[in-house]
Amino acid sequence: MERLAVDMDGVLADVYEQFFRYDEKDFGKRKPLEDVVGVEERKAFPHINEYV
């Protein structure tokens, strides 16, 4: 049986940096970290479904 491991918490891969880059591309400016800490991902990055 084959297995696929997925890093869901960003420990092995910094997925959040990529979310910031896509968000900046979409909205023209980079969000400060303070704006997304403690906020649900889909609220912090409105186009997240397009990024993944």
PDB file of N, CA and C in Angstrom:
ATOM      1  N   MET A   1       0.835  -1.172   0.000  1.00  0.00           N
ATOM      2  CA  MET A   1       0.000   0.000   0.000  1.00  0.00           C
ATOM      3  C   MET A   1       0.891   1.251   0.000  1.00  0.00           C
ATOM      4  N   GLU A   2       0.581   2.194  -0.864  1.00  0.00           N
ATOM      5  CA  GLU A   2       1.322   3.449  -0.924  1.00  0.00           C
ATOM      6  C   GLU A   2       0.680   4.463   0.007  1.00  0.00           C
ATOM      7  N   ARG A   3       1.497   5.348   0.537  1.00  0.00           N
ATOM      8  CA  ARG A   3       0.993   6.388   1.435  1.00  0.00           C
ATOM      9  C   ARG A   3       1.482   7.748   0.953  1.00  0.00           C
ATOM     10  N   LEU A   4       0.704   8.737   1.252  1.00  0.00           N
ATOM     11  CA  LEU A   4       1.053  10.107   0.921  1.00  0.00           C
ATOM     12  C   LEU A   4       0.995  10.920   2.200  1.00  0.00           C
ATOM     13  N   ALA A   5       2.071  11.586   2.536  1.00  0.00           N
ATOM     14  CA  ALA A   5       2.107  12.435   3.728  1.00  0.00           C
ATOM     15  C   ALA A   5       1.858  13.878   3.313  1.00  0.00           C
ATOM     16  N   VAL A   6       1.006  14.551   4.040  1.00  0.00           N
ATOM     17  CA  VAL A   6       0.667  15.938   3.748  1.00  0.00           C
ATOM     18  C   VAL A   6       0.967  16.778   4.984  1.00  0.00           C
ATOM     19  N   ASP A   7       1.732  17.838   4.807  1.00  0.00           N
ATOM     20  CA  ASP A   7       2.076  18.741   5.904  1.00  0.00           C
ATOM     21  C   ASP A   7       0.948  19.752   6.061  1.00  0.00           C
ATOM     22  N   MET A   8       0.113  19.573   7.059  1.00  0.00           N
ATOM     23  CA  MET A   8      -1.060  20.426   7.229  1.00  0.00           C
ATOM     24  C   MET A   8      -0.832  21.601   8.180  1.00  0.00           C
ATOM     25  N   ASP A   9       0.232  21.563   8.963  1.00  0.00           N
ATOM     26  CA  ASP A   9       0.413  22.616   9.958  1.00  0.00           C
ATOM     27  C   ASP A   9       1.556  23.578   9.643  1.00  0.00           C
ATOM     28  N   GLY A  10       2.183  23.428   8.504  1.00  0.00           N
ATOM     29  CA  GLY A  10       3.229  24.351   8.103  1.00  0.00           C
ATOM     30  C   GLY A  10       4.565  24.149   8.789  1.00  0.00           C
ATOM     31  N   VAL A  11       4.747  23.044   9.493  1.00  0.00           N
ATOM     32  CA  VAL A  11       6.012  22.795  10.186  1.00  0.00           C
ATOM     33  C   VAL A  11       7.103  22.394   9.200  1.00  0.00           C
ATOM     34  N   LEU A  12       6.821  21.494   8.301  1.00  0.00           N
ATOM     35  CA  LEU A  12       7.826  21.035   7.335  1.00  0.00           C
ATOM     36  C   LEU A  12       7.989  22.001   6.162  1.00  0.00           C
ATOM     37  N   ALA A  13       6.925  22.622   5.757  1.00  0.00           N
ATOM     38  CA  ALA A  13       6.960  23.561   4.633  1.00  0.00           C
ATOM     39  C   ALA A  13       6.242  24.845   5.042  1.00  0.00           C
ATOM     40  N   ASP A  14       6.801  25.979   4.674  1.00  0.00           N
ATOM     41  CA  ASP A  14       6.211  27.272   5.025  1.00  0.00           C
ATOM     42  C   ASP A  14       5.137  27.642   4.005  1.00  0.00           C
ATOM     43  N   VAL A  15       3.960  27.082   4.159  1.00  0.00           N
ATOM     44  CA  VAL A  15       2.873  27.349   3.220  1.00  0.00           C
ATOM     45  C   VAL A  15       2.333  28.761   3.378  1.00  0.00           C
ATOM     46  N   TYR A  16       2.465  29.323   4.557  1.00  0.00           N
ATOM     47  CA  TYR A  16       1.915  30.653   4.798  1.00  0.00           C
ATOM     48  C   TYR A  16       2.646  31.726   4.007  1.00  0.00           C
ATOM     49  N   GLU A  17       3.940  31.572   3.822  1.00  0.00           N
ATOM     50  CA  GLU A  17       4.675  32.535   3.003  1.00  0.00           C
ATOM     51  C   GLU A  17       4.110  32.555   1.590  1.00  0.00           C
ATOM     52  N   GLN A  18       3.751  31.399   1.062  1.00  0.00           N
ATOM     53  CA  GLN A  18       3.159  31.349  -0.278  1.00  0.00           C
ATOM     54  C   GLN A  18       1.773  31.985  -0.280  1.00  0.00           C
ATOM     55  N   PHE A  19       0.992  31.775   0.779  1.00  0.00           N
ATOM     56  CA  PHE A  19      -0.317  32.428   0.881  1.00  0.00           C
ATOM     57  C   PHE A  19      -0.146  33.948   0.859  1.00  0.00           C
ATOM     58  N   PHE A  20       0.850  34.455   1.597  1.00  0.00           N
ATOM     59  CA  PHE A  20       1.109  35.894   1.605  1.00  0.00           C
ATOM     60  C   PHE A  20       1.469  36.383   0.206  1.00  0.00           C
ATOM     61  N   ARG A  21       2.275  35.642  -0.523  1.00  0.00           N
ATOM     62  CA  ARG A  21       2.677  36.047  -1.878  1.00  0.00           C
ATOM     63  C   ARG A  21       1.487  36.091  -2.831  1.00  0.00           C
ATOM     64  N   TYR A  22       0.663  35.050  -2.802  1.00  0.00           N
ATOM     65  CA  TYR A  22      -0.521  35.041  -3.666  1.00  0.00           C
ATOM     66  C   TYR A  22      -1.470  36.174  -3.299  1.00  0.00           C
ATOM     67  N   ASP A  23      -1.668  36.379  -2.012  1.00  0.00           N
ATOM     68  CA  ASP A  23      -2.564  37.434  -1.547  1.00  0.00           C
ATOM     69  C   ASP A  23      -2.048  38.803  -1.987  1.00  0.00           C
ATOM     70  N   GLU A  24      -0.740  39.013  -1.873  1.00  0.00           N
ATOM     71  CA  GLU A  24      -0.140  40.275  -2.309  1.00  0.00           C
ATOM     72  C   GLU A  24      -0.319  40.465  -3.813  1.00  0.00           C
ATOM     73  N   LYS A  25      -0.170  39.397  -4.569  1.00  0.00           N
ATOM     74  CA  LYS A  25      -0.366  39.466  -6.022  1.00  0.00           C
ATOM     75  C   LYS A  25      -1.812  39.843  -6.351  1.00  0.00           C
ATOM     76  N   ASP A  26      -2.760  39.270  -5.618  1.00  0.00           N
ATOM     77  CA  ASP A  26      -4.175  39.530  -5.871  1.00  0.00           C
ATOM     78  C   ASP A  26      -4.618  40.927  -5.445  1.00  0.00           C
ATOM     79  N   PHE A  27      -4.093  41.424  -4.321  1.00  0.00           N
ATOM     80  CA  PHE A  27      -4.602  42.664  -3.739  1.00  0.00           C
ATOM     81  C   PHE A  27      -3.633  43.841  -3.803  1.00  0.00           C
ATOM     82  N   GLY A  28      -2.412  43.614  -4.312  1.00  0.00           N
ATOM     83  CA  GLY A  28      -1.493  44.713  -4.532  1.00  0.00           C
ATOM     84  C   GLY A  28      -0.670  45.151  -3.336  1.00  0.00           C
ATOM     85  N   LYS A  29      -0.883  44.571  -2.184  1.00  0.00           N
ATOM     86  CA  LYS A  29      -0.039  44.886  -1.033  1.00  0.00           C
ATOM     87  C   LYS A  29       0.013  43.693  -0.099  1.00  0.00           C
ATOM     88  N   ARG A  30       1.093  43.629   0.644  1.00  0.00           N
ATOM     89  CA  ARG A  30       1.304  42.506   1.563  1.00  0.00           C
ATOM     90  C   ARG A  30       0.640  42.805   2.898  1.00  0.00           C
ATOM     91  N   LYS A  31      -0.103  41.834   3.397  1.00  0.00           N
ATOM     92  CA  LYS A  31      -0.738  41.984   4.704  1.00  0.00           C
ATOM     93  C   LYS A  31       0.305  41.858   5.801  1.00  0.00           C
ATOM     94  N   PRO A  32       0.168  42.656   6.848  1.00  0.00           N
ATOM     95  CA  PRO A  32       1.054  42.460   8.000  1.00  0.00           C
ATOM     96  C   PRO A  32       0.687  41.163   8.719  1.00  0.00           C
ATOM     97  N   LEU A  33       1.666  40.524   9.295  1.00  0.00           N
ATOM     98  CA  LEU A  33       1.452  39.276  10.024  1.00  0.00           C
ATOM     99  C   LEU A  33       0.384  39.444  11.101  1.00  0.00           C
ATOM    100  N   GLU A  34       0.353  40.595  11.739  1.00  0.00           N
ATOM    101  CA  GLU A  34      -0.616  40.851  12.809  1.00  0.00           C
ATOM    102  C   GLU A  34      -2.063  40.739  12.323  1.00  0.00           C
ATOM    103  N   ASP A  35      -2.291  40.973  11.035  1.00  0.00           N
ATOM    104  CA  ASP A  35      -3.648  40.902  10.477  1.00  0.00           C
ATOM    105  C   ASP A  35      -4.146  39.474  10.294  1.00  0.00           C
ATOM    106  N   VAL A  36      -3.257  38.497  10.316  1.00  0.00           N
ATOM    107  CA  VAL A  36      -3.682  37.120  10.063  1.00  0.00           C
ATOM    108  C   VAL A  36      -3.483  36.176  11.247  1.00  0.00           C
ATOM    109  N   VAL A  37      -2.698  36.588  12.233  1.00  0.00           N
ATOM    110  CA  VAL A  37      -2.469  35.729  13.403  1.00  0.00           C
ATOM    111  C   VAL A  37      -3.780  35.543  14.157  1.00  0.00           C
ATOM    112  N   GLY A  38      -4.146  34.288  14.377  1.00  0.00           N
ATOM    113  CA  GLY A  38      -5.364  33.972  15.108  1.00  0.00           C
ATOM    114  C   GLY A  38      -6.636  34.040  14.283  1.00  0.00           C
ATOM    115  N   VAL A  39      -6.500  34.326  12.990  1.00  0.00           N
ATOM    116  CA  VAL A  39      -7.657  34.436  12.096  1.00  0.00           C
ATOM    117  C   VAL A  39      -7.733  33.164  11.258  1.00  0.00           C
ATOM    118  N   GLU A  40      -8.936  32.661  11.066  1.00  0.00           N
ATOM    119  CA  GLU A  40      -9.133  31.473  10.233  1.00  0.00           C
ATOM    120  C   GLU A  40      -8.565  31.738   8.835  1.00  0.00           C
ATOM    121  N   GLU A  41      -7.885  30.748   8.267  1.00  0.00           N
ATOM    122  CA  GLU A  41      -7.202  30.931   6.975  1.00  0.00           C
ATOM    123  C   GLU A  41      -8.121  31.472   5.891  1.00  0.00           C
ATOM    124  N   ARG A  42      -9.321  30.941   5.778  1.00  0.00           N
ATOM    125  CA  ARG A  42     -10.194  31.400   4.685  1.00  0.00           C
ATOM    126  C   ARG A  42     -10.671  32.835   4.881  1.00  0.00           C
ATOM    127  N   LYS A  43     -10.615  33.331   6.117  1.00  0.00           N
ATOM    128  CA  LYS A  43     -10.950  34.739   6.365  1.00  0.00           C
ATOM    129  C   LYS A  43      -9.725  35.624   6.152  1.00  0.00           C
ATOM    130  N   ALA A  44      -8.561  35.130   6.542  1.00  0.00           N
ATOM    131  CA  ALA A  44      -7.328  35.903   6.384  1.00  0.00           C
ATOM    132  C   ALA A  44      -6.925  36.026   4.915  1.00  0.00           C
ATOM    133  N   PHE A  45      -7.156  34.955   4.151  1.00  0.00           N
ATOM    134  CA  PHE A  45      -6.803  34.918   2.726  1.00  0.00           C
ATOM    135  C   PHE A  45      -8.058  34.547   1.934  1.00  0.00           C
ATOM    136  N   PRO A  46      -8.846  35.546   1.515  1.00  0.00           N
ATOM    137  CA  PRO A  46     -10.147  35.287   0.879  1.00  0.00           C
ATOM    138  C   PRO A  46     -10.097  34.393  -0.360  1.00  0.00           C
ATOM    139  N   HIS A  47      -8.997  34.385  -1.092  1.00  0.00           N
ATOM    140  CA  HIS A  47      -8.896  33.571  -2.312  1.00  0.00           C
ATOM    141  C   HIS A  47      -8.152  32.262  -2.077  1.00  0.00           C
ATOM    142  N   ILE A  48      -8.101  31.806  -0.836  1.00  0.00           N
ATOM    143  CA  ILE A  48      -7.293  30.630  -0.486  1.00  0.00           C
ATOM    144  C   ILE A  48      -7.661  29.400  -1.315  1.00  0.00           C
ATOM    145  N   ASN A  49      -8.917  29.249  -1.673  1.00  0.00           N
ATOM    146  CA  ASN A  49      -9.318  28.079  -2.472  1.00  0.00           C
ATOM    147  C   ASN A  49      -8.666  28.083  -3.850  1.00  0.00           C
ATOM    148  N   GLU A  50      -8.319  29.249  -4.354  1.00  0.00           N
ATOM    149  CA  GLU A  50      -7.637  29.341  -5.643  1.00  0.00           C
ATOM    150  C   GLU A  50      -6.151  29.014  -5.510  1.00  0.00           C
ATOM    151  N   TYR A  51      -5.584  29.199  -4.326  1.00  0.00           N
ATOM    152  CA  TYR A  51      -4.155  28.987  -4.111  1.00  0.00           C
ATOM    153  C   TYR A  51      -3.811  27.521  -3.915  1.00  0.00           C
ATOM    154  N   VAL A  52      -4.739  26.749  -3.386  1.00  0.00           N
ATOM    155  CA  VAL A  52      -4.456  25.355  -3.013  1.00  0.00           C
ATOM    156  C   VAL A  52      -4.896  24.420  -4.115  1.00  0.00           C
TER     157      VAL A  52
END
